[in-house]
Amino acid sequence: MKARRKQLLFVWGLVAILAIVIGVEETRRAQHIEVSTTRSEKFLLPLPLEQIGAIEILRKGQLHRFERDETGAWLYHGQQDEANAAAHTHRADPLVASTIAQAITMFSRTQKEQPIPLKPGQDEYGVSRPDILVMVYAVKSTEPITRLAVGTVSPDGYSRYVLPVGANEAITIAEYQITNLVAMIDAVAKQPTAPTPAAGTNRGR
């Protein structure tokens, strides 16, 4: 009887040790997954490219929206203002998709350069009333994960002042990243507008 009891205690002891080992390994695994999916703070955008579903750029009063379709290809929604609302179309042209993909891929790799303290009541960097506002959305999200007020170019011409909306200080990024976004808008906006379906035609949306 005593021998059987000792065997049972030994077995339950092994089970307890095994449970502890499994628990420790699962905790380490969870921590590893959390770290591996958290993007480095050196990047301007909090999400990597594959997790970005749409980008909206407000430039000189006109809102331009770029988003992925069901296949992951990028398309241009056109200018989202009242004057262009009637002619609004989804443009899934392969050349346009490639142009958008290249620009957004590069923008997703933007790194922060230097923090810039802001002086209360002053807008020496142009971020309080920006000409360009960038809003980035995660896949299948209706709310932007970040809003970026794009200010003026630095005196040396190599950097651009940017204020993440809600932050206490601005940062600088490479000026060519903003130049590329503006060039993307100009390039796709010049593409011919797709014919508008006749009344009563199924538009597939």
N, C-alpha and C. Protein backbone atom coordinates (compact mmCIF):
# COMPACT_ATOMS: atom_id res chain seq x y z
N MET A 1 0.83 -1.21 0.00
CA MET A 1 0.00 0.00 0.00
C MET A 1 0.86 1.25 0.00
N LYS A 2 1.91 1.20 0.89
CA LYS A 2 2.80 2.35 0.95
C LYS A 2 3.57 2.51 -0.36
N ALA A 3 3.94 1.37 -0.97
CA ALA A 3 4.68 1.43 -2.23
C ALA A 3 3.83 2.07 -3.32
N ARG A 4 2.54 1.69 -3.36
CA ARG A 4 1.63 2.26 -4.37
C ARG A 4 1.46 3.77 -4.16
N ARG A 5 1.38 4.14 -2.88
CA ARG A 5 1.22 5.58 -2.57
C ARG A 5 2.45 6.36 -3.02
N LYS A 6 3.63 5.76 -2.79
CA LYS A 6 4.87 6.41 -3.23
C LYS A 6 4.90 6.55 -4.75
N GLN A 7 4.41 5.53 -5.46
CA GLN A 7 4.38 5.60 -6.91
C GLN A 7 3.46 6.71 -7.41
N LEU A 8 2.29 6.81 -6.73
CA LEU A 8 1.34 7.87 -7.11
C LEU A 8 1.92 9.25 -6.86
N LEU A 9 2.57 9.42 -5.72
CA LEU A 9 3.19 10.70 -5.42
C LEU A 9 4.28 11.05 -6.43
N PHE A 10 5.03 10.00 -6.82
CA PHE A 10 6.10 10.22 -7.80
C PHE A 10 5.52 10.66 -9.14
N VAL A 11 4.42 9.97 -9.56
CA VAL A 11 3.78 10.31 -10.83
C VAL A 11 3.23 11.72 -10.80
N TRP A 12 2.50 12.08 -9.72
CA TRP A 12 1.94 13.43 -9.62
C TRP A 12 3.03 14.49 -9.53
N GLY A 13 4.15 14.11 -8.92
CA GLY A 13 5.28 15.05 -8.88
C GLY A 13 5.81 15.34 -10.27
N LEU A 14 5.92 14.29 -11.11
CA LEU A 14 6.35 14.48 -12.49
C LEU A 14 5.37 15.33 -13.28
N VAL A 15 4.06 15.08 -13.05
CA VAL A 15 3.03 15.86 -13.74
C VAL A 15 3.15 17.34 -13.37
N ALA A 16 3.36 17.62 -12.08
CA ALA A 16 3.48 19.00 -11.62
C ALA A 16 4.70 19.68 -12.24
N ILE A 17 5.83 18.96 -12.27
CA ILE A 17 7.04 19.52 -12.88
C ILE A 17 6.83 19.81 -14.36
N LEU A 18 6.17 18.85 -15.05
CA LEU A 18 5.90 19.01 -16.47
C LEU A 18 5.01 20.22 -16.72
N ALA A 19 4.01 20.40 -15.85
CA ALA A 19 3.10 21.54 -15.99
C ALA A 19 3.85 22.86 -15.83
N ILE A 20 4.78 22.89 -14.86
CA ILE A 20 5.57 24.10 -14.64
C ILE A 20 6.44 24.41 -15.85
N VAL A 21 7.08 23.36 -16.40
CA VAL A 21 7.94 23.55 -17.57
C VAL A 21 7.15 24.07 -18.76
N ILE A 22 5.97 23.46 -18.98
CA ILE A 22 5.12 23.89 -20.09
C ILE A 22 4.69 25.34 -19.91
N GLY A 23 4.33 25.69 -18.65
CA GLY A 23 3.91 27.07 -18.37
C GLY A 23 5.00 28.06 -18.65
N VAL A 24 6.23 27.73 -18.24
CA VAL A 24 7.37 28.62 -18.47
C VAL A 24 7.62 28.78 -19.97
N GLU A 25 7.58 27.67 -20.71
CA GLU A 25 7.84 27.72 -22.14
C GLU A 25 6.76 28.53 -22.87
N GLU A 26 5.50 28.37 -22.45
CA GLU A 26 4.41 29.12 -23.08
C GLU A 26 4.55 30.61 -22.82
N THR A 27 4.98 30.96 -21.60
CA THR A 27 5.20 32.37 -21.27
C THR A 27 6.31 32.96 -22.12
N ARG A 28 7.40 32.21 -22.26
CA ARG A 28 8.52 32.68 -23.08
C ARG A 28 8.10 32.81 -24.53
N ARG A 29 7.30 31.88 -25.01
CA ARG A 29 6.83 31.91 -26.39
C ARG A 29 5.93 33.13 -26.63
N ALA A 30 5.03 33.38 -25.68
CA ALA A 30 4.13 34.53 -25.80
C ALA A 30 4.91 35.84 -25.81
N GLN A 31 5.94 35.92 -24.95
CA GLN A 31 6.77 37.12 -24.91
C GLN A 31 7.52 37.30 -26.21
N HIS A 32 7.99 36.20 -26.78
CA HIS A 32 8.72 36.27 -28.04
C HIS A 32 7.81 36.74 -29.17
N ILE A 33 6.58 36.22 -29.19
CA ILE A 33 5.63 36.62 -30.23
C ILE A 33 5.30 38.09 -30.10
N GLU A 34 5.10 38.56 -28.85
CA GLU A 34 4.76 39.96 -28.63
C GLU A 34 5.87 40.88 -29.10
N VAL A 35 7.12 40.50 -28.77
CA VAL A 35 8.26 41.32 -29.19
C VAL A 35 8.41 41.31 -30.70
N SER A 36 8.23 40.15 -31.33
CA SER A 36 8.46 40.03 -32.76
C SER A 36 7.41 40.77 -33.58
N THR A 37 6.20 41.00 -33.01
CA THR A 37 5.16 41.70 -33.76
C THR A 37 5.09 43.18 -33.41
N THR A 38 5.94 43.64 -32.49
CA THR A 38 5.98 45.05 -32.14
C THR A 38 7.05 45.73 -32.97
N ARG A 39 6.67 46.75 -33.72
CA ARG A 39 7.63 47.40 -34.61
C ARG A 39 8.55 48.32 -33.84
N SER A 40 9.78 48.40 -34.31
CA SER A 40 10.76 49.25 -33.66
C SER A 40 10.29 50.71 -33.68
N GLU A 41 10.59 51.43 -32.61
CA GLU A 41 10.18 52.83 -32.50
C GLU A 41 10.96 53.74 -33.43
N LYS A 42 11.99 53.21 -34.09
CA LYS A 42 12.75 54.05 -35.02
C LYS A 42 11.94 54.35 -36.28
N PHE A 43 10.90 53.54 -36.55
CA PHE A 43 10.09 53.75 -37.74
C PHE A 43 8.99 54.78 -37.47
N LEU A 44 8.67 55.55 -38.49
CA LEU A 44 7.62 56.56 -38.37
C LEU A 44 6.25 55.93 -38.19
N LEU A 45 5.97 54.87 -38.96
CA LEU A 45 4.67 54.21 -38.89
C LEU A 45 4.71 53.06 -37.90
N PRO A 46 3.66 52.91 -37.09
CA PRO A 46 3.66 51.85 -36.08
C PRO A 46 3.40 50.46 -36.64
N LEU A 47 2.98 50.36 -37.91
CA LEU A 47 2.71 49.07 -38.53
C LEU A 47 3.60 48.84 -39.73
N PRO A 48 3.99 47.59 -40.00
CA PRO A 48 4.75 47.29 -41.22
C PRO A 48 3.82 47.32 -42.43
N LEU A 49 4.40 47.30 -43.60
CA LEU A 49 3.65 47.44 -44.85
C LEU A 49 2.51 46.45 -44.97
N GLU A 50 2.75 45.18 -44.65
CA GLU A 50 1.73 44.15 -44.86
C GLU A 50 0.50 44.34 -43.99
N GLN A 51 0.59 45.17 -42.96
CA GLN A 51 -0.56 45.41 -42.09
C GLN A 51 -1.26 46.74 -42.39
N ILE A 52 -0.78 47.46 -43.39
CA ILE A 52 -1.41 48.72 -43.77
C ILE A 52 -2.47 48.46 -44.83
N GLY A 53 -3.69 48.92 -44.57
CA GLY A 53 -4.79 48.68 -45.50
C GLY A 53 -5.14 49.87 -46.35
N ALA A 54 -4.85 51.08 -45.88
CA ALA A 54 -5.19 52.28 -46.64
C ALA A 54 -4.38 53.46 -46.12
N ILE A 55 -4.19 54.43 -47.01
CA ILE A 55 -3.56 55.70 -46.65
C ILE A 55 -4.35 56.82 -47.30
N GLU A 56 -4.67 57.82 -46.51
CA GLU A 56 -5.34 59.02 -47.02
C GLU A 56 -4.39 60.20 -46.89
N ILE A 57 -4.34 61.01 -47.93
CA ILE A 57 -3.46 62.18 -47.93
C ILE A 57 -4.30 63.41 -48.26
N LEU A 58 -4.39 64.31 -47.30
CA LEU A 58 -5.08 65.58 -47.50
C LEU A 58 -4.05 66.60 -47.94
N ARG A 59 -4.18 67.04 -49.17
CA ARG A 59 -3.20 67.96 -49.74
C ARG A 59 -3.92 69.15 -50.37
N LYS A 60 -3.64 70.32 -49.84
CA LYS A 60 -4.24 71.55 -50.36
C LYS A 60 -5.75 71.45 -50.45
N GLY A 61 -6.37 70.90 -49.42
CA GLY A 61 -7.82 70.83 -49.36
C GLY A 61 -8.45 69.66 -50.09
N GLN A 62 -7.66 68.84 -50.75
CA GLN A 62 -8.20 67.69 -51.48
C GLN A 62 -7.72 66.40 -50.82
N LEU A 63 -8.66 65.49 -50.57
CA LEU A 63 -8.35 64.23 -49.91
C LEU A 63 -8.19 63.12 -50.94
N HIS A 64 -7.03 62.51 -50.95
CA HIS A 64 -6.72 61.41 -51.86
C HIS A 64 -6.62 60.13 -51.04
N ARG A 65 -7.40 59.11 -51.43
CA ARG A 65 -7.39 57.84 -50.68
C ARG A 65 -6.81 56.72 -51.54
N PHE A 66 -5.90 55.98 -50.93
CA PHE A 66 -5.28 54.82 -51.55
C PHE A 66 -5.53 53.62 -50.64
N GLU A 67 -6.03 52.53 -51.20
CA GLU A 67 -6.30 51.35 -50.37
C GLU A 67 -6.09 50.06 -51.16
N ARG A 68 -6.02 48.96 -50.41
CA ARG A 68 -5.87 47.66 -51.04
C ARG A 68 -7.25 47.08 -51.39
N ASP A 69 -7.29 46.34 -52.50
CA ASP A 69 -8.52 45.63 -52.81
C ASP A 69 -8.46 44.24 -52.18
N GLU A 70 -9.42 43.38 -52.53
CA GLU A 70 -9.49 42.06 -51.91
C GLU A 70 -8.27 41.20 -52.20
N THR A 71 -7.58 41.49 -53.31
CA THR A 71 -6.40 40.70 -53.67
C THR A 71 -5.11 41.26 -53.09
N GLY A 72 -5.21 42.43 -52.45
CA GLY A 72 -4.02 43.06 -51.89
C GLY A 72 -3.42 44.11 -52.79
N ALA A 73 -3.95 44.28 -54.02
CA ALA A 73 -3.44 45.29 -54.95
C ALA A 73 -3.92 46.68 -54.52
N TRP A 74 -3.06 47.67 -54.74
CA TRP A 74 -3.41 49.04 -54.37
C TRP A 74 -4.24 49.70 -55.47
N LEU A 75 -5.20 50.50 -55.05
CA LEU A 75 -5.98 51.28 -56.00
C LEU A 75 -6.19 52.68 -55.46
N TYR A 76 -6.51 53.58 -56.39
CA TYR A 76 -6.69 55.00 -56.07
C TYR A 76 -8.17 55.32 -56.12
N HIS A 77 -8.68 55.92 -55.05
CA HIS A 77 -10.10 56.25 -54.98
C HIS A 77 -10.43 57.59 -55.63
N GLY A 78 -9.42 58.32 -56.05
CA GLY A 78 -9.69 59.63 -56.64
C GLY A 78 -9.77 60.70 -55.57
N GLN A 79 -9.97 61.94 -55.99
CA GLN A 79 -10.04 63.05 -55.06
C GLN A 79 -11.38 63.02 -54.34
N GLN A 80 -11.32 63.03 -53.02
CA GLN A 80 -12.52 62.90 -52.21
C GLN A 80 -13.05 64.26 -51.76
N ASP A 81 -13.40 65.11 -52.70
CA ASP A 81 -14.01 66.39 -52.34
C ASP A 81 -15.31 66.56 -53.11
N GLU A 82 -16.07 67.58 -52.80
CA GLU A 82 -17.39 67.74 -53.40
C GLU A 82 -17.32 67.91 -54.92
N ALA A 83 -16.31 68.61 -55.39
CA ALA A 83 -16.21 68.87 -56.83
C ALA A 83 -15.97 67.60 -57.62
N ASN A 84 -15.35 66.60 -57.00
CA ASN A 84 -15.02 65.36 -57.71
C ASN A 84 -15.87 64.17 -57.28
N ALA A 85 -16.82 64.40 -56.40
CA ALA A 85 -17.62 63.30 -55.87
C ALA A 85 -18.39 62.57 -56.97
N ALA A 86 -18.94 63.31 -57.93
CA ALA A 86 -19.74 62.70 -58.99
C ALA A 86 -18.91 61.81 -59.89
N ALA A 87 -17.63 62.17 -60.07
CA ALA A 87 -16.76 61.41 -60.96
C ALA A 87 -15.91 60.39 -60.20
N HIS A 88 -16.23 60.17 -58.92
CA HIS A 88 -15.44 59.26 -58.09
C HIS A 88 -15.49 57.83 -58.63
N THR A 89 -14.31 57.24 -58.80
CA THR A 89 -14.22 55.87 -59.30
C THR A 89 -13.14 55.10 -58.56
N HIS A 90 -13.19 53.80 -58.65
CA HIS A 90 -12.12 52.94 -58.13
C HIS A 90 -11.23 52.57 -59.32
N ARG A 91 -9.98 52.92 -59.25
CA ARG A 91 -9.08 52.65 -60.38
C ARG A 91 -8.15 51.51 -60.01
N ALA A 92 -8.34 50.37 -60.62
CA ALA A 92 -7.55 49.18 -60.32
C ALA A 92 -6.57 48.87 -61.44
N ASP A 93 -6.14 49.89 -62.16
CA ASP A 93 -5.20 49.71 -63.25
C ASP A 93 -3.86 49.18 -62.72
N PRO A 94 -3.28 48.16 -63.37
CA PRO A 94 -2.02 47.57 -62.87
C PRO A 94 -0.88 48.58 -62.77
N LEU A 95 -0.78 49.51 -63.74
CA LEU A 95 0.28 50.50 -63.69
C LEU A 95 0.10 51.42 -62.49
N VAL A 96 -1.16 51.83 -62.23
CA VAL A 96 -1.45 52.67 -61.08
C VAL A 96 -1.14 51.92 -59.79
N ALA A 97 -1.55 50.64 -59.73
CA ALA A 97 -1.30 49.83 -58.55
C ALA A 97 0.19 49.73 -58.25
N SER A 98 1.00 49.57 -59.30
CA SER A 98 2.44 49.46 -59.13
C SER A 98 3.04 50.77 -58.63
N THR A 99 2.56 51.88 -59.18
CA THR A 99 3.05 53.19 -58.76
C THR A 99 2.74 53.44 -57.29
N ILE A 100 1.52 53.12 -56.88
CA ILE A 100 1.11 53.31 -55.49
C ILE A 100 1.92 52.40 -54.58
N ALA A 101 2.06 51.14 -54.97
CA ALA A 101 2.77 50.16 -54.14
C ALA A 101 4.21 50.58 -53.89
N GLN A 102 4.86 51.08 -54.91
CA GLN A 102 6.26 51.49 -54.76
C GLN A 102 6.39 52.66 -53.78
N ALA A 103 5.52 53.65 -53.92
CA ALA A 103 5.60 54.83 -53.06
C ALA A 103 5.26 54.48 -51.60
N ILE A 104 4.20 53.69 -51.40
CA ILE A 104 3.79 53.35 -50.04
C ILE A 104 4.77 52.39 -49.39
N THR A 105 5.34 51.49 -50.17
CA THR A 105 6.36 50.60 -49.63
C THR A 105 7.53 51.41 -49.09
N MET A 106 7.97 52.39 -49.86
CA MET A 106 9.08 53.23 -49.42
C MET A 106 8.68 54.06 -48.19
N PHE A 107 7.45 54.59 -48.20
CA PHE A 107 7.00 55.41 -47.08
C PHE A 107 6.90 54.58 -45.80
N SER A 108 6.52 53.32 -45.93
CA SER A 108 6.39 52.45 -44.75
C SER A 108 7.73 52.21 -44.07
N ARG A 109 8.82 52.46 -44.78
CA ARG A 109 10.16 52.26 -44.23
C ARG A 109 10.76 53.54 -43.65
N THR A 110 9.99 54.62 -43.65
CA THR A 110 10.48 55.90 -43.15
C THR A 110 10.93 55.79 -41.70
N GLN A 111 12.11 56.32 -41.43
CA GLN A 111 12.63 56.31 -40.08
C GLN A 111 12.68 57.72 -39.49
N LYS A 112 12.48 57.79 -38.20
CA LYS A 112 12.56 59.08 -37.51
C LYS A 112 14.01 59.52 -37.45
N GLU A 113 14.22 60.83 -37.64
CA GLU A 113 15.59 61.34 -37.59
C GLU A 113 15.89 62.04 -36.26
N GLN A 114 15.16 63.12 -35.98
CA GLN A 114 15.49 63.94 -34.82
C GLN A 114 14.22 64.49 -34.17
N PRO A 115 14.09 64.41 -32.84
CA PRO A 115 12.95 65.02 -32.17
C PRO A 115 13.10 66.53 -32.13
N ILE A 116 11.99 67.24 -32.30
CA ILE A 116 12.02 68.70 -32.33
C ILE A 116 11.04 69.25 -31.29
N PRO A 117 11.51 69.85 -30.21
CA PRO A 117 10.60 70.43 -29.22
C PRO A 117 9.79 71.57 -29.85
N LEU A 118 8.52 71.66 -29.49
CA LEU A 118 7.65 72.71 -30.01
C LEU A 118 7.48 73.81 -28.97
N LYS A 119 7.49 75.05 -29.45
CA LYS A 119 7.28 76.19 -28.56
C LYS A 119 5.80 76.56 -28.55
N PRO A 120 5.21 76.67 -27.37
CA PRO A 120 3.78 77.00 -27.27
C PRO A 120 3.43 78.29 -28.01
N GLY A 121 2.37 78.23 -28.79
CA GLY A 121 1.90 79.42 -29.49
C GLY A 121 2.66 79.76 -30.74
N GLN A 122 3.67 78.98 -31.10
CA GLN A 122 4.46 79.24 -32.30
C GLN A 122 4.35 78.06 -33.27
N ASP A 123 4.51 78.37 -34.54
CA ASP A 123 4.46 77.31 -35.55
C ASP A 123 5.62 77.49 -36.53
N GLU A 124 6.81 77.49 -35.97
CA GLU A 124 7.98 77.73 -36.81
C GLU A 124 8.31 76.57 -37.74
N TYR A 125 7.65 75.42 -37.52
CA TYR A 125 7.93 74.26 -38.37
C TYR A 125 6.76 73.92 -39.29
N GLY A 126 5.70 74.71 -39.25
CA GLY A 126 4.58 74.52 -40.18
C GLY A 126 3.70 73.33 -39.90
N VAL A 127 3.73 72.79 -38.67
CA VAL A 127 2.95 71.59 -38.37
C VAL A 127 1.58 71.89 -37.76
N SER A 128 1.36 73.15 -37.35
CA SER A 128 0.05 73.51 -36.76
C SER A 128 -1.01 73.70 -37.83
N ARG A 129 -0.60 74.24 -38.97
CA ARG A 129 -1.49 74.42 -40.11
C ARG A 129 -0.83 73.81 -41.35
N PRO A 130 -0.76 72.49 -41.38
CA PRO A 130 0.00 71.83 -42.46
C PRO A 130 -0.72 71.87 -43.80
N ASP A 131 0.06 71.89 -44.86
CA ASP A 131 -0.49 71.77 -46.22
C ASP A 131 -0.80 70.30 -46.53
N ILE A 132 -0.16 69.39 -45.80
CA ILE A 132 -0.34 67.96 -46.05
C ILE A 132 -0.63 67.27 -44.72
N LEU A 133 -1.66 66.43 -44.73
CA LEU A 133 -1.99 65.60 -43.57
C LEU A 133 -2.10 64.16 -44.06
N VAL A 134 -1.36 63.25 -43.44
CA VAL A 134 -1.33 61.85 -43.83
C VAL A 134 -2.02 61.02 -42.76
N MET A 135 -2.97 60.18 -43.18
CA MET A 135 -3.67 59.29 -42.24
C MET A 135 -3.48 57.85 -42.69
N VAL A 136 -3.01 57.01 -41.80
CA VAL A 136 -2.67 55.62 -42.12
C VAL A 136 -3.65 54.70 -41.40
N TYR A 137 -4.19 53.72 -42.14
CA TYR A 137 -5.17 52.78 -41.61
C TYR A 137 -4.62 51.36 -41.64
N ALA A 138 -4.94 50.60 -40.61
CA ALA A 138 -4.62 49.17 -40.61
C ALA A 138 -5.62 48.46 -41.52
N VAL A 139 -5.30 47.24 -41.92
CA VAL A 139 -6.19 46.44 -42.77
C VAL A 139 -7.55 46.28 -42.07
N LYS A 140 -8.63 46.53 -42.81
CA LYS A 140 -10.01 46.39 -42.34
C LYS A 140 -10.34 47.31 -41.16
N SER A 141 -9.61 48.41 -41.02
CA SER A 141 -9.87 49.36 -39.95
C SER A 141 -10.53 50.61 -40.52
N THR A 142 -11.47 51.18 -39.78
CA THR A 142 -12.14 52.39 -40.22
C THR A 142 -11.59 53.64 -39.53
N GLU A 143 -10.72 53.43 -38.54
CA GLU A 143 -10.10 54.54 -37.83
C GLU A 143 -8.59 54.53 -38.08
N PRO A 144 -8.00 55.68 -38.36
CA PRO A 144 -6.55 55.70 -38.62
C PRO A 144 -5.75 55.33 -37.38
N ILE A 145 -4.67 54.61 -37.60
CA ILE A 145 -3.78 54.26 -36.49
C ILE A 145 -2.82 55.40 -36.19
N THR A 146 -2.64 56.30 -37.15
CA THR A 146 -1.79 57.46 -36.93
C THR A 146 -2.18 58.56 -37.90
N ARG A 147 -2.04 59.80 -37.43
CA ARG A 147 -2.25 60.99 -38.26
C ARG A 147 -0.97 61.81 -38.21
N LEU A 148 -0.49 62.22 -39.37
CA LEU A 148 0.78 62.93 -39.44
C LEU A 148 0.59 64.29 -40.10
N ALA A 149 0.85 65.34 -39.34
CA ALA A 149 0.82 66.69 -39.90
C ALA A 149 2.20 66.99 -40.49
N VAL A 150 2.24 67.22 -41.79
CA VAL A 150 3.52 67.41 -42.48
C VAL A 150 3.80 68.91 -42.60
N GLY A 151 4.90 69.33 -42.02
CA GLY A 151 5.25 70.74 -42.00
C GLY A 151 6.20 71.14 -43.11
N THR A 152 7.06 72.10 -42.81
CA THR A 152 7.95 72.66 -43.81
C THR A 152 9.23 71.84 -43.95
N VAL A 153 10.00 72.20 -44.96
CA VAL A 153 11.30 71.55 -45.20
C VAL A 153 12.35 72.22 -44.32
N SER A 154 13.28 71.44 -43.83
CA SER A 154 14.35 71.97 -42.99
C SER A 154 15.24 72.91 -43.80
N PRO A 155 15.98 73.80 -43.14
CA PRO A 155 16.84 74.75 -43.86
C PRO A 155 17.84 74.11 -44.82
N ASP A 156 18.33 72.91 -44.48
CA ASP A 156 19.30 72.26 -45.37
C ASP A 156 18.64 71.56 -46.55
N GLY A 157 17.29 71.46 -46.53
CA GLY A 157 16.57 70.87 -47.66
C GLY A 157 16.51 69.36 -47.66
N TYR A 158 17.10 68.71 -46.67
CA TYR A 158 17.15 67.25 -46.68
C TYR A 158 16.09 66.60 -45.80
N SER A 159 15.49 67.36 -44.91
CA SER A 159 14.53 66.79 -43.97
C SER A 159 13.21 67.54 -44.02
N ARG A 160 12.18 66.90 -43.46
CA ARG A 160 10.85 67.52 -43.39
C ARG A 160 10.35 67.37 -41.95
N TYR A 161 9.75 68.44 -41.44
CA TYR A 161 9.19 68.41 -40.09
C TYR A 161 7.82 67.74 -40.13
N VAL A 162 7.61 66.80 -39.21
CA VAL A 162 6.36 66.05 -39.14
C VAL A 162 5.92 65.98 -37.69
N LEU A 163 4.62 66.18 -37.47
CA LEU A 163 4.07 66.07 -36.11
C LEU A 163 3.03 64.96 -36.08
N PRO A 164 3.31 63.85 -35.38
CA PRO A 164 2.26 62.87 -35.15
C PRO A 164 1.17 63.52 -34.30
N VAL A 165 -0.04 63.58 -34.81
CA VAL A 165 -1.12 64.30 -34.13
C VAL A 165 -1.31 63.72 -32.72
N GLY A 166 -1.27 64.61 -31.73
CA GLY A 166 -1.39 64.20 -30.34
C GLY A 166 -0.07 64.11 -29.62
N ALA A 167 1.05 64.16 -30.37
CA ALA A 167 2.37 64.08 -29.76
C ALA A 167 2.77 65.43 -29.19
N ASN A 168 3.76 65.42 -28.30
CA ASN A 168 4.23 66.65 -27.66
C ASN A 168 5.38 67.30 -28.40
N GLU A 169 5.95 66.58 -29.34
CA GLU A 169 7.06 67.13 -30.10
C GLU A 169 7.02 66.63 -31.53
N ALA A 170 7.58 67.45 -32.41
CA ALA A 170 7.67 67.07 -33.82
C ALA A 170 8.93 66.22 -34.02
N ILE A 171 9.05 65.68 -35.22
CA ILE A 171 10.25 64.93 -35.58
C ILE A 171 10.61 65.30 -37.01
N THR A 172 11.81 64.99 -37.40
CA THR A 172 12.20 65.16 -38.79
C THR A 172 12.30 63.79 -39.45
N ILE A 173 11.96 63.77 -40.74
CA ILE A 173 12.13 62.57 -41.56
C ILE A 173 12.78 63.00 -42.86
N ALA A 174 13.21 62.05 -43.65
CA ALA A 174 13.83 62.37 -44.94
C ALA A 174 12.82 63.07 -45.85
N GLU A 175 13.20 64.18 -46.41
CA GLU A 175 12.31 64.97 -47.27
C GLU A 175 11.84 64.18 -48.49
N TYR A 176 12.68 63.29 -49.02
CA TYR A 176 12.29 62.57 -50.23
C TYR A 176 11.07 61.68 -50.01
N GLN A 177 10.80 61.29 -48.77
CA GLN A 177 9.62 60.46 -48.51
C GLN A 177 8.33 61.24 -48.81
N ILE A 178 8.29 62.50 -48.43
CA ILE A 178 7.12 63.33 -48.73
C ILE A 178 7.07 63.66 -50.21
N THR A 179 8.23 63.92 -50.81
CA THR A 179 8.30 64.17 -52.24
C THR A 179 7.73 62.99 -53.03
N ASN A 180 8.04 61.79 -52.59
CA ASN A 180 7.54 60.58 -53.26
C ASN A 180 6.02 60.47 -53.15
N LEU A 181 5.46 60.81 -51.98
CA LEU A 181 4.00 60.74 -51.82
C LEU A 181 3.31 61.76 -52.73
N VAL A 182 3.86 62.96 -52.80
CA VAL A 182 3.28 63.99 -53.67
C VAL A 182 3.39 63.57 -55.13
N ALA A 183 4.53 62.99 -55.51
CA ALA A 183 4.71 62.51 -56.88
C ALA A 183 3.72 61.39 -57.20
N MET A 184 3.43 60.53 -56.21
CA MET A 184 2.46 59.46 -56.41
C MET A 184 1.08 60.05 -56.69
N ILE A 185 0.68 61.05 -55.91
CA ILE A 185 -0.61 61.69 -56.13
C ILE A 185 -0.69 62.28 -57.53
N ASP A 186 0.34 63.02 -57.91
CA ASP A 186 0.35 63.66 -59.23
C ASP A 186 0.32 62.62 -60.35
N ALA A 187 1.02 61.51 -60.15
CA ALA A 187 1.09 60.49 -61.20
C ALA A 187 -0.25 59.80 -61.40
N VAL A 188 -0.89 59.37 -60.32
CA VAL A 188 -2.14 58.62 -60.47
C VAL A 188 -3.32 59.53 -60.77
N ALA A 189 -3.26 60.79 -60.35
CA ALA A 189 -4.36 61.71 -60.62
C ALA A 189 -4.44 62.06 -62.10
N LYS A 190 -3.33 61.90 -62.81
CA LYS A 190 -3.31 62.21 -64.24
C LYS A 190 -3.81 61.05 -65.09
N GLN A 191 -4.02 59.89 -64.47
CA GLN A 191 -4.53 58.74 -65.22
C GLN A 191 -5.95 59.03 -65.67
N PRO A 192 -6.33 58.59 -66.87
CA PRO A 192 -7.70 58.83 -67.35
C PRO A 192 -8.72 58.17 -66.45
N THR A 193 -9.82 58.86 -66.23
CA THR A 193 -10.88 58.35 -65.38
C THR A 193 -11.62 57.22 -66.08
N ALA A 194 -11.87 56.13 -65.36
CA ALA A 194 -12.60 55.00 -65.92
C ALA A 194 -14.03 55.40 -66.24
N PRO A 195 -14.63 54.85 -67.32
CA PRO A 195 -16.00 55.20 -67.68
C PRO A 195 -16.96 54.90 -66.54
N THR A 196 -17.90 55.81 -66.32
CA THR A 196 -18.90 55.62 -65.29
C THR A 196 -19.98 54.69 -65.80
N PRO A 197 -20.32 53.59 -65.06
CA PRO A 197 -21.35 52.66 -65.51
C PRO A 197 -22.69 53.35 -65.72
N ALA A 198 -23.44 52.88 -66.71
CA ALA A 198 -24.75 53.46 -66.98
C ALA A 198 -25.69 53.20 -65.84
N ALA A 199 -26.75 54.00 -65.76
CA ALA A 199 -27.72 53.86 -64.68
C ALA A 199 -28.31 52.46 -64.69
N GLY A 200 -28.42 51.85 -63.52
CA GLY A 200 -29.00 50.52 -63.41
C GLY A 200 -28.00 49.41 -63.58
N THR A 201 -26.74 49.76 -63.96
CA THR A 201 -25.72 48.73 -64.15
C THR A 201 -25.13 48.33 -62.81
N ASN A 202 -24.91 47.06 -62.61
CA ASN A 202 -24.32 46.56 -61.38
C ASN A 202 -22.87 46.96 -61.34
N ARG A 203 -22.47 47.73 -60.31
CA ARG A 203 -21.12 48.25 -60.21
C ARG A 203 -20.21 47.35 -59.38
N GLY A 204 -20.73 46.28 -58.88
CA GLY A 204 -19.89 45.34 -58.15
C GLY A 204 -19.47 45.82 -56.78
N ARG A 205 -20.12 46.83 -56.22
CA ARG A 205 -19.78 47.35 -54.89
C ARG A 205 -21.03 47.38 -54.05
